[in-house]
Every structure is written in C-alpha cells, then in structure tokens.
N, C-alpha and C. Protein backbone atom coordinates (compact mmCIF):
# COMPACT_ATOMS: atom_id res chain seq x y z
N MET A 1 21.53 11.89 -19.81
CA MET A 1 20.22 12.09 -20.37
C MET A 1 19.20 11.20 -19.67
N GLN A 2 19.54 9.94 -19.43
CA GLN A 2 18.63 9.02 -18.77
C GLN A 2 18.28 9.51 -17.37
N HIS A 3 19.27 10.06 -16.66
CA HIS A 3 19.05 10.58 -15.32
C HIS A 3 18.02 11.70 -15.34
N ARG A 4 18.14 12.62 -16.29
CA ARG A 4 17.18 13.73 -16.41
C ARG A 4 15.78 13.23 -16.71
N ALA A 5 15.67 12.23 -17.56
CA ALA A 5 14.36 11.66 -17.92
C ALA A 5 13.73 11.01 -16.69
N ARG A 6 14.52 10.27 -15.93
CA ARG A 6 13.98 9.65 -14.70
C ARG A 6 13.54 10.72 -13.71
N LYS A 7 14.34 11.76 -13.57
CA LYS A 7 14.01 12.84 -12.64
C LYS A 7 12.72 13.54 -13.08
N ALA A 8 12.60 13.83 -14.36
CA ALA A 8 11.38 14.47 -14.88
C ALA A 8 10.17 13.57 -14.67
N ARG A 9 10.34 12.28 -14.93
CA ARG A 9 9.25 11.32 -14.73
C ARG A 9 8.82 11.30 -13.27
N GLY A 10 9.80 11.32 -12.37
CA GLY A 10 9.50 11.34 -10.93
C GLY A 10 8.73 12.59 -10.53
N GLU A 11 9.13 13.73 -11.10
CA GLU A 11 8.43 14.99 -10.78
C GLU A 11 7.01 14.98 -11.33
N VAL A 12 6.82 14.45 -12.51
CA VAL A 12 5.47 14.35 -13.09
C VAL A 12 4.62 13.39 -12.27
N ASP A 13 5.19 12.25 -11.89
CA ASP A 13 4.45 11.29 -11.05
C ASP A 13 4.05 11.94 -9.72
N GLN A 14 4.95 12.69 -9.12
CA GLN A 14 4.66 13.37 -7.85
C GLN A 14 3.54 14.39 -8.04
N LEU A 15 3.58 15.14 -9.12
CA LEU A 15 2.54 16.13 -9.41
C LEU A 15 1.18 15.44 -9.55
N PHE A 16 1.13 14.33 -10.29
CA PHE A 16 -0.13 13.61 -10.43
C PHE A 16 -0.61 13.04 -9.10
N ARG A 17 0.32 12.54 -8.26
CA ARG A 17 -0.08 12.05 -6.94
C ARG A 17 -0.70 13.17 -6.13
N GLU A 18 -0.09 14.36 -6.16
CA GLU A 18 -0.63 15.50 -5.41
C GLU A 18 -1.97 15.95 -5.97
N LEU A 19 -2.09 15.99 -7.28
CA LEU A 19 -3.37 16.37 -7.88
C LEU A 19 -4.44 15.35 -7.55
N TRP A 20 -4.11 14.06 -7.65
CA TRP A 20 -5.07 13.01 -7.32
C TRP A 20 -5.47 13.09 -5.86
N ALA A 21 -4.49 13.35 -4.99
CA ALA A 21 -4.78 13.48 -3.57
C ALA A 21 -5.73 14.65 -3.34
N GLY A 22 -5.49 15.75 -4.01
CA GLY A 22 -6.36 16.92 -3.87
C GLY A 22 -7.76 16.64 -4.34
N SER A 23 -7.91 15.84 -5.38
CA SER A 23 -9.24 15.53 -5.89
C SER A 23 -10.01 14.64 -4.94
N ARG A 24 -9.30 13.95 -4.04
CA ARG A 24 -9.98 13.11 -3.06
C ARG A 24 -10.19 13.86 -1.75
N GLY A 25 -9.87 15.15 -1.73
CA GLY A 25 -10.13 15.95 -0.54
C GLY A 25 -8.97 16.04 0.43
N ARG A 26 -7.80 15.58 0.06
CA ARG A 26 -6.66 15.67 0.96
C ARG A 26 -6.06 17.06 0.86
N HIS A 27 -5.70 17.60 2.00
CA HIS A 27 -5.13 18.95 2.04
C HIS A 27 -3.69 18.96 2.52
N ASP A 28 -3.14 17.79 2.81
CA ASP A 28 -1.76 17.73 3.25
C ASP A 28 -1.03 16.66 2.45
N SER A 29 0.24 16.47 2.77
CA SER A 29 1.03 15.52 1.98
C SER A 29 0.87 14.09 2.48
N ALA A 30 0.26 13.87 3.63
CA ALA A 30 0.08 12.52 4.15
C ALA A 30 -1.03 11.82 3.37
N SER A 31 -0.84 10.54 3.12
CA SER A 31 -1.87 9.79 2.41
C SER A 31 -2.96 9.37 3.40
N ARG A 32 -4.08 8.96 2.84
CA ARG A 32 -5.19 8.52 3.67
C ARG A 32 -5.33 7.02 3.57
N ALA A 33 -5.88 6.44 4.61
CA ALA A 33 -6.13 5.01 4.62
C ALA A 33 -7.61 4.81 4.33
N PRO A 34 -7.96 3.97 3.33
CA PRO A 34 -9.36 3.70 3.05
C PRO A 34 -10.03 3.08 4.28
N ALA A 35 -11.28 3.47 4.55
CA ALA A 35 -11.95 3.01 5.77
C ALA A 35 -13.36 2.52 5.50
N ASP A 36 -13.79 1.55 6.30
CA ASP A 36 -15.18 1.11 6.39
C ASP A 36 -15.62 1.37 7.83
N VAL A 37 -16.85 1.83 8.01
CA VAL A 37 -17.40 2.09 9.34
C VAL A 37 -18.77 1.44 9.41
N TYR A 38 -19.00 0.61 10.44
CA TYR A 38 -20.29 -0.05 10.55
C TYR A 38 -20.63 -0.28 12.03
N VAL A 39 -21.91 -0.53 12.29
CA VAL A 39 -22.41 -0.76 13.64
C VAL A 39 -22.90 -2.20 13.75
N THR A 40 -22.54 -2.83 14.87
CA THR A 40 -23.09 -4.14 15.20
C THR A 40 -23.91 -3.98 16.47
N GLU A 41 -24.87 -4.88 16.69
CA GLU A 41 -25.82 -4.69 17.79
C GLU A 41 -25.51 -5.50 19.04
N SER A 42 -24.76 -6.59 18.93
CA SER A 42 -24.57 -7.42 20.11
C SER A 42 -23.10 -7.73 20.32
N PRO A 43 -22.40 -6.98 21.16
CA PRO A 43 -22.83 -5.79 21.88
C PRO A 43 -22.85 -4.57 20.94
N PRO A 44 -23.57 -3.50 21.34
CA PRO A 44 -23.64 -2.30 20.49
C PRO A 44 -22.25 -1.67 20.32
N THR A 45 -21.72 -1.79 19.10
CA THR A 45 -20.34 -1.36 18.83
C THR A 45 -20.26 -0.71 17.47
N LEU A 46 -19.51 0.39 17.41
CA LEU A 46 -19.16 1.01 16.14
C LEU A 46 -17.78 0.47 15.79
N THR A 47 -17.63 -0.10 14.61
CA THR A 47 -16.34 -0.65 14.19
C THR A 47 -15.82 0.16 13.02
N VAL A 48 -14.56 0.56 13.13
CA VAL A 48 -13.87 1.26 12.05
C VAL A 48 -12.75 0.35 11.59
N GLN A 49 -12.73 0.04 10.29
CA GLN A 49 -11.65 -0.76 9.72
C GLN A 49 -10.91 0.09 8.70
N LEU A 50 -9.59 0.11 8.82
CA LEU A 50 -8.76 0.88 7.90
C LEU A 50 -7.75 -0.04 7.23
N ALA A 51 -7.58 0.12 5.93
CA ALA A 51 -6.58 -0.64 5.18
C ALA A 51 -5.25 0.10 5.29
N VAL A 52 -4.31 -0.49 6.01
CA VAL A 52 -2.99 0.12 6.20
C VAL A 52 -1.89 -0.92 5.98
N PRO A 53 -1.88 -1.57 4.80
CA PRO A 53 -0.86 -2.57 4.55
C PRO A 53 0.54 -1.95 4.54
N GLY A 54 1.49 -2.70 5.03
CA GLY A 54 2.87 -2.21 5.06
C GLY A 54 3.21 -1.48 6.33
N ALA A 55 2.21 -1.20 7.18
CA ALA A 55 2.47 -0.53 8.45
C ALA A 55 2.72 -1.58 9.53
N SER A 56 3.44 -1.19 10.54
CA SER A 56 3.66 -2.05 11.70
C SER A 56 2.78 -1.51 12.82
N PRO A 57 2.20 -2.38 13.65
CA PRO A 57 1.36 -1.89 14.75
C PRO A 57 2.06 -0.86 15.62
N SER A 58 3.37 -0.99 15.78
CA SER A 58 4.11 -0.03 16.61
C SER A 58 4.23 1.34 15.93
N ASP A 59 3.96 1.40 14.63
CA ASP A 59 4.03 2.67 13.89
C ASP A 59 2.66 3.31 13.71
N ILE A 60 1.63 2.78 14.38
CA ILE A 60 0.27 3.30 14.25
C ILE A 60 -0.16 3.92 15.57
N SER A 61 -0.73 5.11 15.48
CA SER A 61 -1.25 5.83 16.64
C SER A 61 -2.75 6.03 16.46
N VAL A 62 -3.53 5.70 17.49
CA VAL A 62 -4.98 5.86 17.46
C VAL A 62 -5.38 6.73 18.64
N GLU A 63 -6.13 7.79 18.37
CA GLU A 63 -6.62 8.68 19.42
C GLU A 63 -8.08 8.97 19.19
N ILE A 64 -8.79 9.19 20.27
CA ILE A 64 -10.17 9.62 20.18
C ILE A 64 -10.36 10.80 21.12
N GLU A 65 -10.97 11.85 20.59
CA GLU A 65 -11.29 13.03 21.38
C GLU A 65 -12.71 13.44 21.03
N GLY A 66 -13.60 13.31 22.00
CA GLY A 66 -15.01 13.55 21.72
C GLY A 66 -15.49 12.53 20.71
N ASP A 67 -16.02 13.01 19.57
CA ASP A 67 -16.46 12.06 18.54
C ASP A 67 -15.52 12.05 17.33
N LEU A 68 -14.27 12.52 17.53
CA LEU A 68 -13.28 12.53 16.45
C LEU A 68 -12.25 11.43 16.69
N LEU A 69 -12.18 10.50 15.75
CA LEU A 69 -11.19 9.42 15.79
C LEU A 69 -10.06 9.81 14.84
N THR A 70 -8.83 9.76 15.34
CA THR A 70 -7.66 10.08 14.52
C THR A 70 -6.71 8.89 14.53
N VAL A 71 -6.35 8.45 13.33
CA VAL A 71 -5.39 7.35 13.16
C VAL A 71 -4.23 7.89 12.34
N ARG A 72 -3.02 7.75 12.87
CA ARG A 72 -1.81 8.19 12.18
C ARG A 72 -0.84 7.02 12.13
N GLY A 73 0.01 7.03 11.12
CA GLY A 73 1.01 5.99 11.05
C GLY A 73 2.00 6.21 9.93
N MET A 74 2.81 5.18 9.73
CA MET A 74 3.87 5.25 8.73
C MET A 74 3.95 3.91 8.02
N ARG A 75 4.03 3.97 6.70
CA ARG A 75 4.27 2.78 5.88
C ARG A 75 5.66 2.94 5.27
N ALA A 76 6.56 2.07 5.66
CA ALA A 76 7.93 2.18 5.16
C ALA A 76 8.22 1.02 4.21
N PRO A 77 8.61 1.31 2.97
CA PRO A 77 8.95 0.22 2.05
C PRO A 77 10.28 -0.41 2.43
N ALA A 78 10.46 -1.65 2.07
CA ALA A 78 11.76 -2.31 2.29
C ALA A 78 12.81 -1.57 1.47
N GLN A 79 13.90 -1.25 2.07
CA GLN A 79 14.96 -0.48 1.41
C GLN A 79 16.14 -1.37 1.05
N SER A 80 15.87 -2.59 0.64
CA SER A 80 16.95 -3.52 0.38
C SER A 80 17.64 -3.28 -0.97
N GLU A 81 16.95 -2.60 -1.88
CA GLU A 81 17.54 -2.40 -3.21
C GLU A 81 17.05 -1.09 -3.81
N ARG A 82 17.80 -0.59 -4.73
CA ARG A 82 17.40 0.62 -5.45
C ARG A 82 16.43 0.19 -6.55
N ARG A 83 15.34 0.94 -6.69
CA ARG A 83 14.31 0.55 -7.65
C ARG A 83 14.04 1.67 -8.64
N LEU A 84 13.78 1.29 -9.85
CA LEU A 84 13.35 2.22 -10.88
C LEU A 84 11.94 1.77 -11.29
N TYR A 85 10.95 2.49 -10.81
CA TYR A 85 9.56 2.08 -11.00
C TYR A 85 9.07 2.37 -12.42
N HIS A 86 8.32 1.46 -12.96
CA HIS A 86 7.60 1.67 -14.22
C HIS A 86 6.20 2.16 -13.92
N HIS A 87 5.68 1.77 -12.75
CA HIS A 87 4.34 2.14 -12.34
C HIS A 87 4.30 2.05 -10.82
N ALA A 88 3.73 3.05 -10.16
CA ALA A 88 3.67 3.04 -8.69
C ALA A 88 2.35 3.61 -8.22
N GLU A 89 1.62 2.84 -7.43
CA GLU A 89 0.35 3.29 -6.87
C GLU A 89 0.31 3.19 -5.35
N ILE A 90 1.21 2.47 -4.75
CA ILE A 90 1.19 2.29 -3.31
C ILE A 90 1.72 3.56 -2.65
N ASP A 91 0.94 4.09 -1.71
CA ASP A 91 1.37 5.27 -0.96
C ASP A 91 2.27 4.83 0.19
N TRP A 92 3.54 5.20 0.13
CA TRP A 92 4.48 4.94 1.20
C TRP A 92 4.64 6.22 1.99
N GLY A 93 5.10 6.10 3.21
CA GLY A 93 5.30 7.27 4.05
C GLY A 93 4.19 7.41 5.08
N SER A 94 4.01 8.62 5.54
CA SER A 94 3.04 8.84 6.61
C SER A 94 1.61 8.83 6.08
N PHE A 95 0.68 8.43 6.94
CA PHE A 95 -0.74 8.50 6.61
C PHE A 95 -1.49 9.02 7.82
N GLU A 96 -2.62 9.60 7.56
CA GLU A 96 -3.48 10.10 8.63
C GLU A 96 -4.92 10.01 8.17
N ARG A 97 -5.79 9.62 9.08
CA ARG A 97 -7.21 9.56 8.79
C ARG A 97 -7.96 10.07 10.00
N ARG A 98 -8.82 11.05 9.79
CA ARG A 98 -9.69 11.59 10.84
C ARG A 98 -11.12 11.30 10.44
N LEU A 99 -11.85 10.72 11.38
CA LEU A 99 -13.24 10.37 11.11
C LEU A 99 -14.13 10.89 12.22
N ARG A 100 -15.19 11.60 11.85
CA ARG A 100 -16.24 12.00 12.79
C ARG A 100 -17.12 10.78 12.99
N LEU A 101 -17.29 10.38 14.23
CA LEU A 101 -18.04 9.17 14.50
C LEU A 101 -19.55 9.43 14.50
N ASN A 102 -19.96 10.62 14.87
CA ASN A 102 -21.38 11.02 14.87
C ASN A 102 -22.25 10.21 15.80
N VAL A 103 -21.65 9.39 16.64
CA VAL A 103 -22.37 8.68 17.69
C VAL A 103 -21.49 8.69 18.94
N PRO A 104 -22.10 8.71 20.13
CA PRO A 104 -21.28 8.66 21.35
C PRO A 104 -20.70 7.27 21.55
N VAL A 105 -19.41 7.22 21.91
CA VAL A 105 -18.73 5.95 22.17
C VAL A 105 -18.04 6.01 23.53
N ASP A 106 -17.79 4.83 24.10
CA ASP A 106 -17.07 4.70 25.36
C ASP A 106 -15.58 4.61 25.04
N ALA A 107 -14.88 5.74 25.10
CA ALA A 107 -13.47 5.79 24.71
C ALA A 107 -12.59 4.91 25.58
N GLU A 108 -13.01 4.66 26.81
CA GLU A 108 -12.22 3.81 27.71
C GLU A 108 -12.28 2.34 27.29
N GLY A 109 -13.32 1.93 26.58
CA GLY A 109 -13.49 0.54 26.20
C GLY A 109 -13.05 0.22 24.79
N VAL A 110 -12.40 1.16 24.11
CA VAL A 110 -11.99 0.97 22.72
C VAL A 110 -10.85 -0.05 22.62
N ALA A 111 -10.92 -0.90 21.60
CA ALA A 111 -9.84 -1.88 21.35
C ALA A 111 -9.44 -1.77 19.88
N ALA A 112 -8.14 -1.76 19.63
CA ALA A 112 -7.62 -1.69 18.25
C ALA A 112 -6.72 -2.88 18.00
N VAL A 113 -7.00 -3.60 16.89
CA VAL A 113 -6.24 -4.79 16.54
C VAL A 113 -5.80 -4.68 15.08
N TYR A 114 -4.53 -5.00 14.83
CA TYR A 114 -3.97 -4.97 13.49
C TYR A 114 -3.68 -6.39 13.05
N GLU A 115 -4.26 -6.78 11.90
CA GLU A 115 -4.03 -8.12 11.39
C GLU A 115 -4.04 -8.09 9.86
N ARG A 116 -2.97 -8.62 9.25
CA ARG A 116 -2.85 -8.76 7.80
C ARG A 116 -3.16 -7.46 7.04
N GLY A 117 -2.65 -6.34 7.54
CA GLY A 117 -2.82 -5.07 6.84
C GLY A 117 -4.10 -4.33 7.13
N LEU A 118 -4.94 -4.88 8.01
CA LEU A 118 -6.22 -4.27 8.32
C LEU A 118 -6.24 -3.89 9.80
N LEU A 119 -6.49 -2.62 10.09
CA LEU A 119 -6.62 -2.13 11.46
C LEU A 119 -8.10 -2.09 11.79
N SER A 120 -8.51 -2.84 12.81
CA SER A 120 -9.91 -2.85 13.25
C SER A 120 -10.00 -2.18 14.61
N ILE A 121 -10.84 -1.16 14.69
CA ILE A 121 -11.02 -0.42 15.94
C ILE A 121 -12.47 -0.61 16.37
N ALA A 122 -12.66 -1.26 17.52
CA ALA A 122 -14.00 -1.51 18.06
C ALA A 122 -14.30 -0.46 19.12
N LEU A 123 -15.34 0.33 18.89
CA LEU A 123 -15.71 1.42 19.79
C LEU A 123 -17.10 1.13 20.38
N PRO A 124 -17.16 0.71 21.65
CA PRO A 124 -18.45 0.44 22.26
C PRO A 124 -19.31 1.71 22.29
N LEU A 125 -20.57 1.57 21.94
CA LEU A 125 -21.48 2.72 21.96
C LEU A 125 -21.76 3.13 23.40
N ALA A 126 -21.99 4.44 23.61
CA ALA A 126 -22.23 4.99 24.94
C ALA A 126 -23.45 5.90 24.90
N GLU A 127 -23.88 6.35 26.07
CA GLU A 127 -25.04 7.24 26.17
C GLU A 127 -24.70 8.66 25.72
N GLN A 128 -23.48 9.12 26.06
CA GLN A 128 -23.08 10.48 25.69
C GLN A 128 -21.59 10.54 25.39
N VAL A 129 -21.18 11.56 24.64
CA VAL A 129 -19.79 11.74 24.24
C VAL A 129 -19.01 12.39 25.38
N ARG A 130 -17.83 11.84 25.67
CA ARG A 130 -16.90 12.48 26.61
C ARG A 130 -15.92 13.29 25.78
N GLN A 131 -15.58 14.47 26.26
CA GLN A 131 -14.74 15.37 25.47
C GLN A 131 -13.24 15.19 25.69
N ARG A 132 -12.81 14.38 26.63
CA ARG A 132 -11.37 14.25 26.85
C ARG A 132 -10.72 13.34 25.81
N ARG A 133 -9.43 13.52 25.63
CA ARG A 133 -8.67 12.76 24.63
C ARG A 133 -8.16 11.46 25.24
N VAL A 134 -8.26 10.37 24.49
CA VAL A 134 -7.81 9.06 24.93
C VAL A 134 -6.95 8.46 23.83
N GLU A 135 -5.76 7.95 24.21
CA GLU A 135 -4.90 7.24 23.26
C GLU A 135 -5.17 5.75 23.40
N ILE A 136 -5.25 5.06 22.29
CA ILE A 136 -5.58 3.64 22.27
C ILE A 136 -4.38 2.85 21.78
N ALA A 137 -4.01 1.80 22.51
CA ALA A 137 -2.90 0.94 22.09
C ALA A 137 -3.35 0.02 20.96
N VAL A 138 -2.49 -0.14 19.97
CA VAL A 138 -2.78 -1.04 18.84
C VAL A 138 -2.06 -2.35 19.10
N LYS A 139 -2.83 -3.44 19.07
CA LYS A 139 -2.25 -4.76 19.30
C LYS A 139 -2.23 -5.54 18.00
N ALA A 140 -1.18 -6.29 17.81
CA ALA A 140 -1.08 -7.15 16.62
C ALA A 140 -1.74 -8.48 16.93
N ARG A 141 -2.54 -8.96 16.01
CA ARG A 141 -3.12 -10.30 16.15
C ARG A 141 -2.35 -11.20 15.23
N ILE A 142 -1.89 -12.29 15.76
CA ILE A 142 -1.10 -13.23 14.97
C ILE A 142 -2.02 -14.36 14.55
N SER A 143 -2.18 -14.49 13.23
CA SER A 143 -3.04 -15.55 12.69
C SER A 143 -2.29 -16.86 12.71
N GLY A 144 -3.00 -17.89 12.97
CA GLY A 144 -2.33 -19.19 13.02
C GLY A 144 -2.86 -20.16 12.05
C-alpha cells in the first residue's frame, strides 16, 4: 500500500511540475535556467547570467548563432542514497535556455565563466550580427 501511495504521489508531483512548466512557457521536458541580462558600457558588453546550480562546467554547452544564444546542460543529483522526498522544487536533469539578444555581438570575443552555480556569459557588442554559429567554451573560476 505504501508503495502505491508513493508512486501516486510521484505521478501527481510530476503532473504539477509539467503544468507549472507549461504556465511559464516551457514546451519541452527540459527545465529552464533563470537568467539576468544587462549591458555595461566600459567596455560595451552584453552580459547574460544564468543560475545553474548543481551543474558542472563540463556539462554546459553555450552556442551563439546570429542573435540567438543557446545554453544547454545537465544537473545531476548525488546518487549516494535512495531518497523519499517530502517536498521537491529543484529541477534535476537537462536544462535549456534560448535567449534572443536583440543586439549585435562579437561572437568570437564571447567568454563564459562558471562560478558558484552562476554562469556568466560576456558578449562584446558589435556593429552588426554575424549569422554563423559559434560554440563557446565554459571555464570554471575557482574562488579563493
């Protein structure tokens, strides 16, 4: 009986996660990473910061094509023990975020740094958008 109750609870939780995801505009099963986007003037740079705690820099992919920035990755929970959750809000598994930049950037000069769960992508502003696709390496910054 307990097993059935846990299974039903898991199915209800999954349904609510999917409904909540749909209400935020998600159309697939991958979760989204919350983002801040801002411009600084010296040097002229568009910065995108994404909250991706639990991800490893090696599990994050950053691409830019034209003015579309795509960030994909995976958040894997520690699998050291079997858990029976009473409450769960952290999205584990794959995530994807696509952002229209709406300004031209120099894709060759982009730098991505991951530190303490925050991915910061610095995109130098440019005169015009280039349409080719560029993959950006994500580097881990070690705080001291």
